[in-house]
Protein backbone atom coordinates (compact mmCIF):
# COMPACT_ATOMS: atom_id res chain seq x y z
CA MET A 1 -26.36 69.69 -3.95
CA ASN A 2 -27.57 68.80 -7.44
CA LEU A 3 -26.93 65.42 -9.04
CA ARG A 4 -24.01 66.68 -11.15
CA LEU A 5 -22.21 68.12 -8.15
CA LYS A 6 -22.78 64.91 -6.14
CA THR A 7 -21.26 62.84 -8.96
CA MET A 8 -18.19 65.09 -9.21
CA ALA A 9 -17.69 64.95 -5.45
CA ALA A 10 -17.83 61.16 -5.47
CA CYS A 11 -15.22 60.96 -8.25
CA LEU A 12 -12.88 63.35 -6.43
CA SER A 13 -13.28 61.35 -3.23
CA LEU A 14 -12.38 58.07 -5.03
CA ALA A 15 -9.34 59.66 -6.67
CA ALA A 16 -8.09 60.76 -3.26
CA LEU A 17 -8.06 57.19 -1.92
CA PRO A 18 -4.71 55.37 -1.67
CA ALA A 19 -3.93 53.20 -4.73
CA ALA A 20 -4.24 50.02 -2.67
CA ALA A 21 -7.82 50.92 -1.80
CA GLN A 22 -8.81 51.31 -5.43
CA GLN A 23 -10.05 48.32 -7.39
CA GLN A 24 -7.19 46.08 -8.54
CA PRO A 25 -7.17 43.25 -11.12
CA ALA A 26 -7.80 39.91 -9.48
CA ALA A 27 -4.63 37.92 -8.77
CA PRO A 28 -4.23 34.90 -11.05
CA ALA A 29 -5.40 31.65 -9.55
CA PRO A 30 -2.53 29.44 -8.41
CA SER A 31 -1.59 26.60 -10.72
CA ALA A 32 -2.17 23.00 -9.71
CA LEU A 33 1.57 22.65 -9.12
CA GLU A 34 1.59 25.67 -6.78
CA THR A 35 -1.52 24.44 -4.95
CA LEU A 36 -0.08 20.98 -4.40
CA GLY A 37 3.31 22.39 -3.40
CA ALA A 38 1.56 24.38 -0.67
CA MET A 39 -0.04 21.15 0.59
CA HIS A 40 -3.52 22.28 -0.39
CA PRO A 41 -6.06 20.10 -2.24
CA THR A 42 -7.09 21.07 -5.76
CA GLY A 43 -10.68 20.06 -5.03
CA SER A 44 -11.07 17.96 -8.17
CA ALA A 45 -11.00 14.31 -9.23
CA ALA A 46 -11.96 12.84 -5.87
CA GLU A 47 -12.70 9.63 -7.75
CA TRP A 48 -11.22 8.75 -11.09
CA PRO A 49 -11.71 5.62 -13.19
CA GLU A 50 -9.55 2.56 -13.42
CA VAL A 51 -8.55 1.14 -16.80
CA PRO A 52 -10.65 -2.01 -17.44
CA GLN A 53 -8.53 -5.17 -17.43
CA THR A 54 -11.00 -7.64 -18.90
CA GLY A 55 -12.99 -7.91 -22.08
CA ALA A 56 -12.41 -8.45 -25.80
CA LYS A 57 -9.18 -6.46 -25.99
CA ALA A 58 -7.56 -8.33 -23.11
CA ASP A 59 -8.61 -11.63 -24.65
CA LYS A 60 -7.13 -10.69 -28.04
CA VAL A 61 -3.84 -9.54 -26.53
CA LYS A 62 -3.53 -12.84 -24.67
CA GLU A 63 -4.21 -14.69 -27.91
CA ASN A 64 -1.50 -12.73 -29.76
CA LEU A 65 1.03 -13.45 -27.03
CA LYS A 66 0.85 -17.14 -27.96
CA LYS A 67 2.83 -16.18 -31.07
CA ILE A 68 5.80 -14.81 -29.13
CA LYS A 69 8.90 -17.00 -29.23
CA LEU A 70 11.11 -17.25 -26.14
CA PRO A 71 13.97 -19.50 -25.05
CA ALA A 72 12.93 -22.80 -23.47
CA GLY A 73 11.56 -22.47 -19.95
CA PHE A 74 10.46 -18.84 -20.38
CA HIS A 75 6.86 -17.62 -20.59
CA ILE A 76 5.08 -14.38 -21.40
CA SER A 77 1.67 -13.14 -20.26
CA LEU A 78 -0.41 -9.98 -20.17
CA TYR A 79 0.46 -8.05 -17.01
CA ALA A 80 -1.86 -5.09 -17.54
CA LEU A 81 -3.60 -3.01 -20.18
CA VAL A 82 -1.99 0.42 -19.96
CA PRO A 83 -2.91 2.96 -22.67
CA ASP A 84 0.05 4.32 -24.66
CA ALA A 85 2.52 2.55 -22.34
CA ARG A 86 6.07 3.82 -22.78
CA HIS A 87 8.89 3.89 -20.22
CA ILE A 88 8.57 2.01 -16.94
CA THR A 89 9.90 2.37 -13.41
CA VAL A 90 9.16 -0.03 -10.57
CA GLY A 91 8.91 1.42 -7.05
CA PRO A 92 11.68 0.37 -4.64
CA GLN A 93 9.16 -1.42 -2.42
CA GLY A 94 7.64 -3.27 -5.38
CA VAL A 95 4.24 -1.85 -4.47
CA ALA A 96 3.52 -0.01 -7.69
CA THR A 97 4.86 0.40 -11.22
CA PHE A 98 4.75 3.80 -12.94
CA VAL A 99 4.38 4.03 -16.72
CA GLY A 100 5.00 7.14 -18.79
CA THR A 101 3.43 8.11 -22.11
CA ARG A 102 4.17 10.47 -24.98
CA LYS A 103 0.82 12.16 -24.36
CA SER A 104 -0.34 13.76 -21.10
CA LYS A 105 -0.73 10.91 -18.62
CA VAL A 106 1.36 8.77 -16.31
CA TRP A 107 -0.18 5.48 -15.19
CA VAL A 108 0.33 3.57 -11.96
CA VAL A 109 -0.09 -0.20 -12.00
CA THR A 110 -0.59 -2.14 -8.77
CA ASP A 111 -0.37 -5.88 -8.23
CA ARG A 112 -2.15 -5.93 -4.88
CA ALA A 113 -2.40 -9.71 -4.70
CA ARG A 114 1.26 -10.22 -5.69
CA GLY A 115 0.02 -12.66 -8.28
CA GLY A 116 2.06 -11.59 -11.30
CA THR A 117 -0.76 -9.47 -12.76
CA GLY A 118 -1.47 -5.78 -12.50
CA ASP A 119 -4.97 -5.82 -11.01
CA GLU A 120 -5.41 -2.02 -10.84
CA VAL A 121 -4.40 0.62 -13.41
CA LYS A 122 -5.16 4.28 -12.68
CA GLU A 123 -3.84 7.63 -13.78
CA PHE A 124 -1.11 9.01 -11.52
CA ALA A 125 -1.60 12.55 -10.15
CA PRO A 126 -4.53 13.33 -12.47
CA THR A 127 -5.00 16.87 -11.10
CA LEU A 128 -1.53 17.94 -12.26
CA PRO A 129 -1.24 18.70 -16.02
CA LYS A 130 1.71 17.05 -17.79
CA LYS A 131 3.29 17.33 -21.24
CA ILE A 132 4.90 14.21 -22.75
CA PRO A 133 5.74 12.61 -19.37
CA ASN A 134 7.62 9.78 -21.07
CA GLY A 135 10.39 9.16 -18.59
CA PRO A 136 9.75 8.14 -14.96
CA CYS A 137 12.59 6.95 -12.74
CA PHE A 138 12.95 6.21 -9.00
CA SER A 139 15.71 6.92 -6.54
CA LYS A 140 16.57 4.17 -4.10
CA ASP A 141 15.08 6.20 -1.25
CA GLY A 142 11.66 6.38 -2.88
CA PHE A 143 11.55 9.69 -4.79
CA LEU A 144 9.90 9.51 -8.20
CA TYR A 145 11.24 11.74 -10.99
CA ILE A 146 9.38 12.33 -14.23
CA ALA A 147 11.17 13.89 -17.19
CA GLU A 148 8.65 15.62 -19.43
CA GLN A 149 9.32 17.27 -22.77
CA ASN A 150 10.72 20.42 -21.16
CA ARG A 151 10.36 20.04 -17.40
CA VAL A 152 11.38 17.66 -14.59
CA LEU A 153 9.32 17.15 -11.44
CA GLU A 154 10.04 15.23 -8.25
CA TYR A 155 7.27 13.34 -6.40
CA PRO A 156 8.25 12.34 -2.84
CA ALA A 157 6.97 8.96 -1.67
CA ALA A 158 4.85 8.54 -4.79
CA GLU A 159 4.77 4.77 -4.31
CA PHE A 160 2.70 5.24 -1.17
CA PHE A 161 0.69 8.39 -1.87
CA TYR A 162 -0.53 7.67 -5.40
CA GLU A 163 -3.94 6.61 -4.04
CA SER A 164 -4.96 10.29 -3.95
CA PRO A 165 -5.56 12.31 -7.12
CA ASP A 166 -3.59 15.14 -5.46
CA VAL A 167 0.09 14.24 -5.12
CA VAL A 168 2.68 16.73 -3.95
CA ALA A 169 5.34 17.59 -6.51
CA SER A 170 8.37 19.86 -6.51
CA VAL A 171 10.19 21.40 -9.45
CA VAL A 172 13.62 20.07 -10.35
CA VAL A 173 13.82 21.78 -13.75
CA PRO A 174 11.16 24.43 -14.41
CA GLU A 175 9.00 24.35 -17.51
CA GLY A 176 10.96 25.67 -20.49
CA GLU A 177 14.42 25.21 -18.94
CA LEU A 178 15.34 21.61 -19.77
CA ILE A 179 15.99 22.84 -23.32
CA PRO A 180 15.48 26.35 -24.75
CA LYS A 181 11.86 26.99 -25.67
CA SER A 182 13.04 27.83 -29.20
CA GLU A 183 14.22 24.23 -29.62
CA GLU A 184 11.00 22.51 -28.57
CA SER A 185 9.76 20.17 -31.29
CA TYR A 186 7.30 17.41 -32.02
CA ASN A 187 10.31 15.23 -32.85
CA HIS A 188 12.61 13.32 -30.46
CA THR A 189 10.92 14.66 -27.31
CA ALA A 190 10.71 11.42 -25.31
CA ARG A 191 13.04 11.93 -22.34
CA VAL A 192 14.38 9.10 -20.18
CA CYS A 193 15.95 9.53 -16.74
CA ARG A 194 18.02 7.48 -14.29
CA ILE A 195 19.48 8.09 -10.84
CA GLY A 196 23.16 7.19 -11.07
CA PRO A 197 25.47 5.48 -8.56
CA ASP A 198 26.63 9.02 -7.67
CA ASN A 199 23.03 9.88 -6.62
CA LYS A 200 22.76 12.38 -9.49
CA LEU A 201 19.92 12.66 -11.99
CA TYR A 202 20.79 11.71 -15.58
CA ILE A 203 18.51 12.72 -18.48
CA GLN A 204 18.72 11.89 -22.19
CA LEU A 205 18.05 14.75 -24.60
CA GLY A 206 17.35 13.90 -28.22
CA GLN A 207 17.98 16.69 -30.73
CA PRO A 208 14.94 17.45 -32.91
CA TYR A 209 16.35 17.00 -36.41
CA ASN A 210 17.32 14.06 -38.57
CA VAL A 211 20.68 15.84 -38.80
CA PRO A 212 20.94 19.36 -37.32
CA THR A 213 22.20 22.31 -39.29
CA LYS A 214 25.74 23.46 -38.62
CA GLU A 215 24.32 26.66 -37.13
CA LYS A 216 22.47 24.62 -34.48
CA ASN A 217 25.19 22.09 -33.81
CA GLU A 218 27.46 24.22 -31.62
CA MET A 219 24.59 25.29 -29.34
CA TYR A 220 23.27 21.73 -29.06
CA ARG A 221 26.62 20.33 -28.03
CA LYS A 222 27.11 23.07 -25.45
CA LEU A 223 23.70 22.36 -23.87
CA GLY A 224 23.80 18.57 -24.17
CA ILE A 225 20.98 18.39 -26.74
CA GLY A 226 21.86 15.22 -28.58
CA GLY A 227 23.45 13.77 -25.48
CA ILE A 228 23.02 13.01 -21.78
CA ILE A 229 23.05 15.64 -19.05
CA ARG A 230 23.33 15.15 -15.31
CA MET A 231 22.54 17.29 -12.30
CA ASP A 232 21.98 17.12 -8.57
CA ARG A 233 18.57 15.77 -7.65
CA ASP A 234 17.41 19.30 -6.85
CA GLY A 235 18.38 20.48 -10.35
CA LYS A 236 21.61 22.25 -9.36
CA ASN A 237 25.06 21.75 -10.90
CA ARG A 238 23.79 20.76 -14.33
CA GLU A 239 26.47 19.57 -16.75
CA VAL A 240 26.81 17.73 -20.04
CA TYR A 241 27.82 14.14 -19.30
CA ALA A 242 28.03 12.70 -22.84
CA ILE A 243 27.60 14.23 -26.28
CA GLY A 244 27.53 13.10 -29.93
CA LEU A 245 24.29 11.13 -29.67
CA ARG A 246 21.42 11.70 -32.09
CA ASN A 247 18.33 10.51 -30.23
CA PRO A 248 19.35 8.52 -27.16
CA VAL A 249 16.37 6.69 -25.63
CA GLY A 250 17.03 4.10 -22.94
CA MET A 251 19.97 3.86 -20.54
CA ASP A 252 21.12 2.01 -17.45
CA PHE A 253 24.18 1.67 -15.23
CA ASN A 254 26.14 -1.56 -15.00
CA PRO A 255 26.02 -2.32 -11.26
CA LYS A 256 29.41 -4.05 -11.46
CA ASP A 257 31.61 -1.26 -12.86
CA LYS A 258 29.21 1.76 -12.79
CA SER A 259 29.56 2.34 -16.55
CA LEU A 260 26.53 3.94 -18.23
CA TRP A 261 25.07 2.25 -21.30
CA THR A 262 22.75 3.93 -23.77
CA ASN A 263 20.88 3.12 -26.94
CA ASP A 264 20.99 5.67 -29.75
CA ASN A 265 18.64 5.92 -32.72
CA GLN A 266 20.53 6.83 -35.85
CA VAL A 267 20.01 8.80 -39.06
CA ASP A 268 17.03 8.10 -41.33
CA GLY A 269 16.85 8.33 -45.10
CA MET A 270 20.18 6.65 -45.89
CA GLY A 271 18.78 3.34 -47.09
CA ASP A 272 17.44 0.15 -45.56
CA ASP A 273 20.69 -1.19 -44.18
CA GLN A 274 22.59 1.86 -43.00
CA PRO A 275 23.50 3.40 -40.69
CA PRO A 276 23.39 0.91 -37.82
CA GLY A 277 21.69 1.56 -34.53
CA GLU A 278 23.98 1.87 -31.55
CA LEU A 279 24.47 0.42 -28.08
CA ASN A 280 27.11 2.60 -26.41
CA ARG A 281 29.17 2.27 -23.25
CA ILE A 282 30.03 5.51 -21.42
CA ASP A 283 32.96 5.20 -19.01
CA SER A 284 33.36 8.80 -17.89
CA LYS A 285 32.11 12.34 -18.28
CA GLY A 286 32.88 14.16 -21.51
CA GLN A 287 32.96 11.30 -23.97
CA ASP A 288 31.88 12.09 -27.55
CA PHE A 289 30.05 9.53 -29.72
CA GLY A 290 30.50 11.29 -33.03
CA PHE A 291 27.10 12.56 -34.16
CA PRO A 292 26.42 14.52 -36.40
CA TRP A 293 29.65 13.71 -38.26
CA TYR A 294 28.81 10.03 -37.99
CA GLY A 295 25.23 8.93 -38.61
CA GLY A 296 25.61 5.57 -36.87
CA GLY A 297 28.66 3.41 -36.39
CA LYS A 298 31.36 4.71 -38.77
CA VAL A 299 28.89 5.77 -41.49
CA ARG A 300 29.39 9.46 -42.29
CA THR A 301 26.37 11.71 -42.70
CA ASN A 302 25.86 13.48 -46.01
CA GLU A 303 25.50 16.83 -44.26
CA PHE A 304 28.86 16.62 -42.44
CA LYS A 305 30.85 14.34 -44.75
CA ASN A 306 33.27 17.11 -45.73
CA ASP A 307 33.84 18.23 -42.12
CA THR A 308 36.52 16.83 -39.85
CA PRO A 309 34.96 14.68 -37.10
CA PRO A 310 36.14 14.82 -33.49
CA ALA A 311 39.43 12.97 -33.13
CA ASN A 312 38.25 11.37 -29.90
CA ALA A 313 34.92 10.04 -31.25
CA ILE A 314 33.91 6.75 -29.64
CA PHE A 315 32.21 4.07 -31.69
CA PRO A 316 29.48 1.75 -30.36
CA GLU A 317 30.02 -1.41 -28.37
CA VAL A 318 27.35 -3.04 -30.53
CA GLU A 319 26.07 -2.05 -33.96
CA GLN A 320 22.39 -2.95 -34.10
CA VAL A 321 20.34 -3.65 -37.22
CA ALA A 322 19.56 -0.41 -39.06
CA HIS A 323 16.29 1.38 -38.29
CA ALA A 324 15.05 -1.09 -35.68
CA ALA A 325 14.56 1.79 -33.19
CA ASP A 326 16.36 0.56 -30.07
CA LEU A 327 14.69 2.06 -26.98
CA GLY A 328 14.50 0.67 -23.43
CA LEU A 329 17.52 -0.89 -21.71
CA ILE A 330 18.29 -2.51 -18.34
CA PHE A 331 20.93 -4.67 -16.72
CA TYR A 332 19.41 -7.83 -15.33
CA THR A 333 20.14 -8.10 -11.60
CA GLY A 334 17.60 -10.75 -10.61
CA THR A 335 18.03 -14.43 -9.76
CA MET A 336 14.91 -15.90 -11.41
CA PHE A 337 16.55 -16.30 -14.82
CA PRO A 338 19.30 -18.87 -15.45
CA GLN A 339 22.88 -17.90 -14.63
CA LYS A 340 23.82 -16.99 -18.22
CA TYR A 341 21.36 -14.07 -18.16
CA ARG A 342 22.50 -12.57 -14.86
CA GLY A 343 24.32 -9.32 -15.54
CA ALA A 344 23.21 -9.28 -19.19
CA ILE A 345 21.56 -6.32 -20.92
CA PHE A 346 17.94 -6.61 -22.00
CA SER A 347 16.81 -4.01 -24.52
CA THR A 348 13.86 -3.35 -26.80
CA GLN A 349 13.57 -2.70 -30.51
CA HIS A 350 10.46 -0.67 -31.20
CA GLY A 351 10.39 -1.53 -34.91
CA SER A 352 11.09 0.31 -38.15
CA TRP A 353 9.18 3.07 -39.83
CA ASN A 354 12.02 4.09 -42.19
CA ARG A 355 12.65 0.74 -43.89
CA THR A 356 11.02 -1.07 -46.79
CA VAL A 357 11.19 -4.34 -44.83
CA PRO A 358 10.47 -3.48 -41.17
CA MET A 359 12.86 -4.86 -38.58
CA GLY A 360 12.62 -5.02 -34.81
CA ALA A 361 9.54 -5.20 -32.59
CA ARG A 362 11.33 -7.56 -30.21
CA LEU A 363 13.26 -7.87 -26.97
CA MET A 364 17.02 -8.34 -27.31
CA VAL A 365 19.70 -9.66 -24.94
CA THR A 366 23.38 -8.69 -24.93
CA PHE A 367 25.92 -10.69 -22.95
CA LEU A 368 29.03 -9.16 -21.41
CA LYS A 369 32.49 -10.51 -20.73
CA ASP A 370 34.16 -10.36 -17.33
CA ASP A 371 35.91 -7.14 -18.35
CA GLY A 372 32.53 -5.38 -18.76
CA HIS A 373 32.57 -5.20 -22.55
CA VAL A 374 30.24 -7.07 -24.89
CA ALA A 375 30.79 -10.73 -25.67
CA GLY A 376 29.25 -10.44 -29.14
CA LYS A 377 26.25 -9.17 -31.02
CA SER A 378 22.88 -8.62 -29.39
CA GLU A 379 20.54 -11.60 -29.82
CA PRO A 380 16.74 -11.81 -30.08
CA PHE A 381 15.23 -12.98 -26.80
CA ALA A 382 11.49 -12.46 -27.33
CA GLU A 383 10.14 -12.01 -30.85
CA GLY A 384 6.98 -12.53 -32.85
CA TRP A 385 5.36 -9.08 -32.72
CA ASN A 386 6.58 -8.47 -36.29
CA GLU A 387 4.57 -10.65 -38.67
CA ASN A 388 6.28 -9.94 -42.00
CA GLY A 389 6.13 -6.21 -41.45
CA TYR A 390 2.71 -6.20 -39.80
CA TYR A 391 3.07 -5.27 -36.14
CA LEU A 392 1.14 -7.14 -33.47
CA GLY A 393 2.93 -4.95 -30.94
CA ARG A 394 5.85 -2.54 -30.59
CA PRO A 395 7.97 -3.03 -27.45
CA VAL A 396 9.24 0.21 -25.89
CA ASP A 397 10.82 -0.43 -22.50
CA VAL A 398 11.88 -3.20 -20.18
CA ALA A 399 11.97 -3.20 -16.37
CA GLN A 400 12.57 -5.76 -13.63
CA LEU A 401 10.08 -6.72 -10.94
CA ALA A 402 11.11 -7.67 -7.41
CA ASP A 403 10.78 -11.39 -8.13
CA GLY A 404 13.24 -11.18 -11.06
CA SER A 405 10.67 -11.36 -13.82
CA LEU A 406 10.67 -8.71 -16.56
CA LEU A 407 8.05 -6.20 -17.66
CA VAL A 408 7.92 -5.09 -21.29
CA SER A 409 5.82 -2.11 -22.38
CA ASP A 410 4.04 -1.85 -25.73
CA ASP A 411 2.68 1.52 -26.87
CA LEU A 412 0.95 0.17 -29.97
CA VAL A 413 -1.21 -2.28 -28.05
CA GLY A 414 -1.24 -0.24 -24.84
CA ALA A 415 -0.04 -2.99 -22.52
CA LEU A 416 2.60 -4.33 -20.16
CA TYR A 417 3.76 -7.93 -20.59
CA ARG A 418 5.46 -10.07 -17.94
CA ILE A 419 8.21 -12.54 -18.84
CA TRP A 420 9.17 -15.15 -16.26
CA TYR A 421 11.16 -18.39 -16.04
CA ASP A 422 10.23 -21.70 -14.42
CA GLY A 423 12.26 -24.06 -16.57
CA LYS A 424 9.15 -25.86 -17.82
């Protein structure tokens, strides 16, 4: 048989083979999330570096903290250097503290000596890519949840298994399903989560505009964008819990009456002194806090000033100073602080960008009456990071350690601070 006939015969023979026997495109490699979910190692990052905790930067941060003013008997110190530190959650066992960022990393801080200082800071689950993992929160039974820009993952027993670069994770809300992909933005993407007294997962969803267009508003309210959603811990039974919030960042439940409290960052571009920031109390599902008809407090927005606002709109428990950027929030449940602070709300003001004279960059305290409502205006508790408009730091979140001291995160400096009381 000549060469041409041999070639034709080979081609005919190949064509006669079953399709499965013919060459197929290689299957895509599994993602890190799929690999970890199958309990297989990714084979990378066997060792990964710690964040240095000594040196010139640490010394300068400690020096700047001498300028912070606190009530008598309270003290503040550097707990740990944590790059881009945003929202904080402390593990139920007090073994490790997890810190989100608006970039691509989550950090885990360990105080192995129980000496009031984070002596080890490493990236959490470095083999698993993340996108704006700002909001970590723990369940009481030890499951870590991290709300990213457009995804929510659950990490079982993260407090004990973070020593490995490979950490198993399961999907609560798949990528692209927390909000529609069409509504992803660079603006107001920092999610915060909490596990409620009902054992459900609550997530804050800021809407991406200063004030949304009327065409967007109906969809946003239906989906809970510009509000708080809740769902079962496995992602099922999602519903809108509260609506009418512009960019809610920071929430916590009052352990006494189970009410949910949230900060809300209000409309920019309306002047230095309006509209006010908001601290809101949510008593039940379905409450409406008035945005976008109201830009903060009872100040109407220009875009919706000729439209009829919801008749049932609820106004804030506390009107905060305009453009101070109120973020993190917790109820104090410890016993280290004096009695007057027990059950009070501690919250952060990140500091202004949209004000000719910057306000904020401080830790606030709000006292409540026996009926669960506020006893008056929020008061500065720790301040001094704002030196006449020049920021030495910008507090983001506040969390409570097992001993009753407080942690405060600072994303400008990249640090956690510890505030404690000894009466001296």
